[in-house]
Amino acid sequence: MISEETFDALAEKARRRKYSSMNYVDYEDCANAEIIHDRDDLVLLLDRSKTPAMLYFGADDFAALVKIIAGLPGKLRVHFVPRAFAARLEEIGFAEWGEYADFFNDALADTAARLDDGGGEILYLGGDECSFAAAVSQRCKGQSRGYEGESAAWFAKWLEENKVIVLRVGSAIAGFCCVSIYQEGTMLWVREVAVDPAYQGKGLGKKLIGQAIRYGVENGAVKGFLAADILNANAIGLYEKYGFRAKNADRELQMIKDE
C-alpha cells in the first residue's frame, strides 16, 4: 500500500508524461498498488487487489512500457491505451475490454423542458442502502463491455460528495443513476446508470436519465456529460434521445489479459 503523499508525487509525474492513465485517478483508486517503476520517464503501478490486477502508468515511450508489461504475470487490465499501440498489447495476450467515448449535452435546460419521463419526486439512495444498490450493479455485470459492477464500499464513497438517484418497485431498488455536479456547479456528470435485469425493458433507464437531467438543472448545471462504450448501441441511442452527442474523437480504450 502506498501513502497518499507518495501517490500524489507519482500521479503528478505520470501526468507530465506523453501517455498517462492517471489523469483522472484518485488516491482511493490505487491506494493498494505497488510501485513497479518510478523514473523520470516512466511511472508504473500494479494493483493486485483488483480483479484483474490493474496497471496505472505514465510513460514517454509506450513501446518500452509494453515490453515491461509483457514480463508481468497473471491477469492484467490497463486503461487509456493509445489506439496506435493496441496491436502491440494484443501481441502479448491482451484483448479489447471496452472503448469509451465522451458525450455532452450543451443545453441541459432545453432538454429538461422537453422531458417526458413522467416527472414525480426524485428519490435518492440512503447511506444504509449501499449493499442493495451494489447487488443491482453486480446483477448487471457484463451487460456492457468493461462493466464489472460496483461494491457497497464504492457506493458509500460516492455518497460522501454526490448523489445516487433510485427507482423503486415496492421496497426494492429496481435501478439507479449516479450523478454529480462539477466545474463550479455548471456540469452534470452522469457517472453510471443501471437497471436490475428483472425490470429491464420497462422504460426505467429512460426515466433515470430524465430524472438525472432534472436533478442537474435544479442544481444549477447548464451542461451534461457522460461516457459510453462505443458498441453499446442501446445506451447510446437513449443518451442521444436526451441531447447527448459525441463531441470529439478522444476515446478511452481499455484492454485486458486473461492469463
Protein backbone atom coordinates (compact mmCIF):
# COMPACT_ATOMS: atom_id res chain seq x y z
CA MET A 1 0.00 0.00 0.00
CA ILE A 2 1.31 3.44 -0.88
CA SER A 3 0.81 6.62 1.11
CA GLU A 4 -1.30 9.49 -0.21
CA GLU A 5 1.79 11.69 -0.33
CA THR A 6 3.62 9.11 -2.45
CA PHE A 7 0.61 8.74 -4.72
CA ASP A 8 0.36 12.49 -5.27
CA ALA A 9 4.02 12.67 -6.31
CA LEU A 10 3.72 9.68 -8.66
CA ALA A 11 0.46 10.91 -10.20
CA GLU A 12 1.94 14.34 -10.86
CA LYS A 13 4.97 12.76 -12.51
CA ALA A 14 2.76 10.42 -14.59
CA ARG A 15 0.54 13.27 -15.78
CA ARG A 16 3.57 15.05 -17.23
CA ARG A 17 4.40 12.09 -19.45
CA LYS A 18 3.29 11.81 -23.08
CA TYR A 19 0.98 8.87 -22.28
CA SER A 20 -0.81 8.59 -18.95
CA SER A 21 -3.67 6.62 -17.41
CA MET A 22 -3.53 8.63 -14.18
CA ASN A 23 -5.10 11.91 -15.29
CA TYR A 24 -8.43 11.06 -13.63
CA VAL A 25 -7.26 8.67 -10.91
CA ASP A 26 -7.67 9.46 -7.20
CA TYR A 27 -5.66 8.08 -4.32
CA GLU A 28 -8.53 5.79 -3.28
CA ASP A 29 -8.42 4.15 -6.73
CA CYS A 30 -4.93 2.76 -6.30
CA ALA A 31 -4.05 3.02 -2.61
CA ASN A 32 -3.28 -0.72 -2.63
CA ALA A 33 -0.97 -0.56 -5.63
CA GLU A 34 2.70 -1.46 -5.59
CA ILE A 35 5.29 0.63 -7.38
CA ILE A 36 6.83 -1.28 -10.29
CA HIS A 37 8.78 1.65 -11.78
CA ASP A 38 9.38 5.20 -10.63
CA ARG A 39 11.62 7.00 -13.10
CA ASP A 40 11.58 10.44 -14.67
CA ASP A 41 10.33 8.98 -17.96
CA LEU A 42 8.21 6.10 -16.62
CA VAL A 43 5.79 5.52 -13.77
CA LEU A 44 4.13 2.11 -13.43
CA LEU A 45 1.91 0.91 -10.60
CA LEU A 46 0.27 -2.51 -10.21
CA ASP A 47 -2.78 -3.08 -8.00
CA ARG A 48 -3.34 -6.81 -7.45
CA SER A 49 -6.21 -6.14 -5.02
CA LYS A 50 -8.39 -5.63 -8.10
CA THR A 51 -9.61 -8.43 -10.37
CA PRO A 52 -7.99 -8.49 -12.86
CA ALA A 53 -4.97 -6.65 -11.49
CA MET A 54 -4.95 -3.01 -12.64
CA LEU A 55 -1.99 -1.21 -14.19
CA TYR A 56 -1.57 2.57 -13.85
CA PHE A 57 1.07 4.26 -15.97
CA GLY A 58 2.75 7.39 -17.19
CA ALA A 59 5.27 6.93 -19.99
CA ASP A 60 7.05 8.82 -22.72
CA ASP A 61 7.80 5.63 -24.66
CA PHE A 62 4.73 3.36 -24.77
CA ALA A 63 6.53 0.65 -26.75
CA ALA A 64 9.06 0.34 -23.92
CA LEU A 65 6.17 0.17 -21.44
CA VAL A 66 4.66 -2.75 -23.39
CA LYS A 67 7.92 -4.69 -23.02
CA ILE A 68 7.80 -4.23 -19.25
CA ILE A 69 4.14 -5.26 -19.07
CA ALA A 70 4.96 -8.39 -21.08
CA GLY A 71 7.08 -9.60 -18.17
CA LEU A 72 4.32 -9.26 -15.57
CA PRO A 73 2.48 -12.49 -14.70
CA GLY A 74 -1.23 -13.11 -14.21
CA LYS A 75 -4.43 -11.45 -15.37
CA LEU A 76 -3.96 -7.75 -16.08
CA ARG A 77 -6.02 -4.75 -17.08
CA VAL A 78 -4.93 -1.38 -18.43
CA HIS A 79 -7.00 1.70 -19.33
CA PHE A 80 -6.31 4.71 -21.59
CA VAL A 81 -4.36 2.64 -24.11
CA PRO A 82 -3.30 4.71 -27.14
CA ARG A 83 -5.05 3.16 -30.14
CA ALA A 84 -1.76 3.11 -32.07
CA PHE A 85 -0.33 0.64 -29.55
CA ALA A 86 -3.32 -1.69 -29.21
CA ALA A 87 -1.77 -4.19 -31.63
CA ARG A 88 1.42 -4.29 -29.54
CA LEU A 89 -0.58 -5.26 -26.47
CA GLU A 90 -2.53 -7.84 -28.47
CA GLU A 91 0.79 -9.47 -29.37
CA ILE A 92 1.42 -10.15 -25.67
CA GLY A 93 -2.05 -11.54 -24.99
CA PHE A 94 -4.28 -8.51 -24.38
CA ALA A 95 -7.71 -8.02 -25.92
CA GLU A 96 -10.08 -5.06 -26.07
CA TRP A 97 -12.29 -4.80 -22.99
CA GLY A 98 -14.15 -1.61 -23.88
CA GLU A 99 -13.75 1.68 -25.71
CA TYR A 100 -15.47 4.69 -24.22
CA ALA A 101 -16.45 7.91 -25.95
CA ASP A 102 -17.47 11.13 -24.20
CA PHE A 103 -20.95 12.53 -24.82
CA PHE A 104 -22.08 16.07 -23.96
CA ASN A 105 -25.37 17.91 -23.73
CA ASP A 106 -24.73 21.66 -24.13
CA ALA A 107 -28.31 22.78 -23.44
CA LEU A 108 -29.47 20.86 -20.39
CA ALA A 109 -32.34 23.23 -19.55
CA ASP A 110 -33.78 22.93 -23.07
CA THR A 111 -33.72 19.15 -22.77
CA ALA A 112 -35.34 19.32 -19.33
CA ALA A 113 -38.18 21.43 -20.75
CA ARG A 114 -38.97 18.65 -23.25
CA LEU A 115 -38.78 15.73 -20.83
CA ASP A 116 -41.41 13.02 -20.97
CA ASP A 117 -40.08 10.97 -18.04
CA GLY A 118 -43.32 11.33 -16.11
CA GLY A 119 -41.92 13.79 -13.59
CA GLY A 120 -42.52 12.94 -9.98
CA GLU A 121 -40.33 13.16 -6.91
CA ILE A 122 -36.69 12.25 -7.36
CA LEU A 123 -35.68 9.58 -4.83
CA TYR A 124 -32.14 9.08 -3.59
CA LEU A 125 -30.12 6.18 -2.25
CA GLY A 126 -29.78 6.21 1.53
CA GLY A 127 -26.45 5.61 3.21
CA ASP A 128 -27.78 2.37 4.69
CA GLU A 129 -28.83 1.04 1.26
CA CYS A 130 -25.43 0.77 -0.42
CA SER A 131 -25.44 -3.03 -0.35
CA PHE A 132 -28.79 -3.10 -2.20
CA ALA A 133 -27.52 -0.78 -4.95
CA ALA A 134 -24.36 -2.88 -5.20
CA ALA A 135 -26.46 -6.02 -5.67
CA VAL A 136 -28.31 -4.40 -8.59
CA SER A 137 -24.99 -3.25 -10.03
CA GLN A 138 -23.49 -6.74 -9.79
CA ARG A 139 -26.52 -8.29 -11.50
CA CYS A 140 -25.80 -6.01 -14.46
CA LYS A 141 -22.16 -7.08 -14.66
CA GLY A 142 -21.04 -7.79 -18.21
CA GLN A 143 -24.13 -6.31 -19.89
CA SER A 144 -21.83 -3.73 -21.46
CA ARG A 145 -18.17 -4.26 -22.30
CA GLY A 146 -15.98 -3.37 -19.37
CA TYR A 147 -18.82 -3.05 -16.86
CA GLU A 148 -17.95 -5.01 -13.73
CA GLY A 149 -20.45 -3.61 -11.26
CA GLU A 150 -19.70 -1.68 -8.08
CA SER A 151 -19.29 -2.66 -4.44
CA ALA A 152 -21.19 -1.36 -1.43
CA ALA A 153 -17.99 0.42 -0.39
CA TRP A 154 -17.88 2.18 -3.76
CA PHE A 155 -21.43 3.48 -3.31
CA ALA A 156 -20.66 4.60 0.25
CA LYS A 157 -17.66 6.54 -1.04
CA TRP A 158 -19.68 8.09 -3.87
CA LEU A 159 -22.36 9.27 -1.44
CA GLU A 160 -19.81 11.23 0.56
CA GLU A 161 -19.97 14.04 -2.01
CA ASN A 162 -22.53 13.00 -4.63
CA LYS A 163 -26.00 11.52 -5.15
CA VAL A 164 -27.47 8.28 -6.43
CA ILE A 165 -30.95 8.58 -7.93
CA VAL A 166 -33.01 5.41 -7.46
CA LEU A 167 -36.22 3.97 -8.81
CA ARG A 168 -38.12 1.56 -6.59
CA VAL A 169 -40.66 -1.16 -7.23
CA GLY A 170 -42.28 -1.60 -3.87
CA SER A 171 -39.39 -1.52 -1.43
CA ALA A 172 -36.88 -2.94 -3.93
CA ILE A 173 -34.35 -0.82 -5.80
CA ALA A 174 -35.05 -1.52 -9.48
CA GLY A 175 -32.50 0.88 -10.94
CA PHE A 176 -30.10 3.67 -10.11
CA CYS A 177 -28.20 6.56 -11.65
CA CYS A 178 -25.06 8.03 -10.06
CA VAL A 179 -24.89 11.80 -10.55
CA SER A 180 -22.51 14.60 -9.65
CA ILE A 181 -22.23 18.35 -10.28
CA TYR A 182 -18.77 19.73 -11.07
CA GLN A 183 -16.98 22.52 -12.98
CA GLU A 184 -18.03 25.07 -10.36
CA GLY A 185 -21.60 23.81 -10.42
CA THR A 186 -22.18 24.09 -14.17
CA MET A 187 -21.73 20.49 -15.38
CA LEU A 188 -23.86 17.43 -14.62
CA TRP A 189 -21.91 14.17 -14.68
CA VAL A 190 -24.00 11.06 -15.22
CA ARG A 191 -21.49 8.56 -13.86
CA GLU A 192 -23.40 5.31 -14.13
CA VAL A 193 -26.88 4.03 -14.99
CA ALA A 194 -28.08 0.51 -14.24
CA VAL A 195 -31.45 -1.25 -14.17
CA ASP A 196 -31.91 -4.62 -12.48
CA PRO A 197 -32.30 -7.29 -15.22
CA ALA A 198 -35.66 -8.26 -13.66
CA TYR A 199 -37.01 -4.80 -14.54
CA GLN A 200 -35.31 -4.10 -17.84
CA GLY A 201 -37.43 -3.32 -20.90
CA LYS A 202 -39.92 -1.27 -18.88
CA GLY A 203 -38.55 2.21 -19.63
CA LEU A 204 -36.76 2.63 -16.31
CA GLY A 205 -33.46 3.62 -17.94
CA LYS A 206 -35.27 6.38 -19.81
CA LYS A 207 -36.84 7.62 -16.57
CA LEU A 208 -33.50 7.59 -14.76
CA ILE A 209 -31.83 9.71 -17.45
CA GLY A 210 -34.76 12.14 -17.34
CA GLN A 211 -34.53 12.45 -13.58
CA ALA A 212 -30.76 12.92 -13.79
CA ILE A 213 -31.26 15.83 -16.20
CA ARG A 214 -33.91 17.37 -13.94
CA TYR A 215 -31.56 16.95 -10.97
CA GLY A 216 -28.80 18.72 -12.88
CA VAL A 217 -30.95 21.68 -13.92
CA GLU A 218 -32.48 22.04 -10.44
CA ASN A 219 -28.95 22.22 -9.02
CA GLY A 220 -27.64 24.82 -11.48
CA ALA A 221 -25.98 22.70 -14.16
CA VAL A 222 -26.22 24.06 -17.71
CA LYS A 223 -24.42 21.20 -19.46
CA GLY A 224 -24.24 17.44 -19.06
CA PHE A 225 -21.55 14.81 -19.57
CA LEU A 226 -21.42 11.01 -19.67
CA ALA A 227 -19.33 8.26 -21.25
CA ALA A 228 -20.47 5.12 -23.07
CA ASP A 229 -18.85 2.15 -24.74
CA ILE A 230 -18.95 2.72 -28.49
CA LEU A 231 -20.52 -0.72 -29.05
CA ASN A 232 -23.35 -0.15 -26.57
CA ALA A 233 -25.83 0.96 -29.23
CA ASN A 234 -28.88 0.76 -26.97
CA ALA A 235 -27.38 3.06 -24.34
CA ILE A 236 -26.04 5.49 -26.93
CA GLY A 237 -29.44 5.64 -28.62
CA LEU A 238 -31.03 6.54 -25.28
CA TYR A 239 -28.42 9.18 -24.49
CA GLU A 240 -28.74 10.77 -27.92
CA LYS A 241 -32.51 10.97 -27.46
CA TYR A 242 -31.80 13.17 -24.46
CA GLY A 243 -29.44 15.50 -26.28
CA PHE A 244 -26.06 13.92 -25.57
CA ARG A 245 -23.68 13.95 -28.54
CA ALA A 246 -20.14 12.66 -29.02
CA LYS A 247 -18.02 15.79 -29.42
CA ASN A 248 -14.54 14.62 -30.28
CA ALA A 249 -12.51 11.63 -31.34
CA ASP A 250 -10.90 11.14 -27.94
CA ARG A 251 -11.75 7.71 -26.59
CA GLU A 252 -10.66 5.59 -23.66
CA LEU A 253 -9.52 2.16 -24.82
CA GLN A 254 -9.42 -0.49 -22.10
CA MET A 255 -7.61 -3.78 -22.60
CA ILE A 256 -7.40 -6.97 -20.55
CA LYS A 257 -5.19 -10.06 -20.43
CA ASP A 258 -6.83 -13.19 -19.03
CA GLU A 259 -3.68 -15.20 -18.27
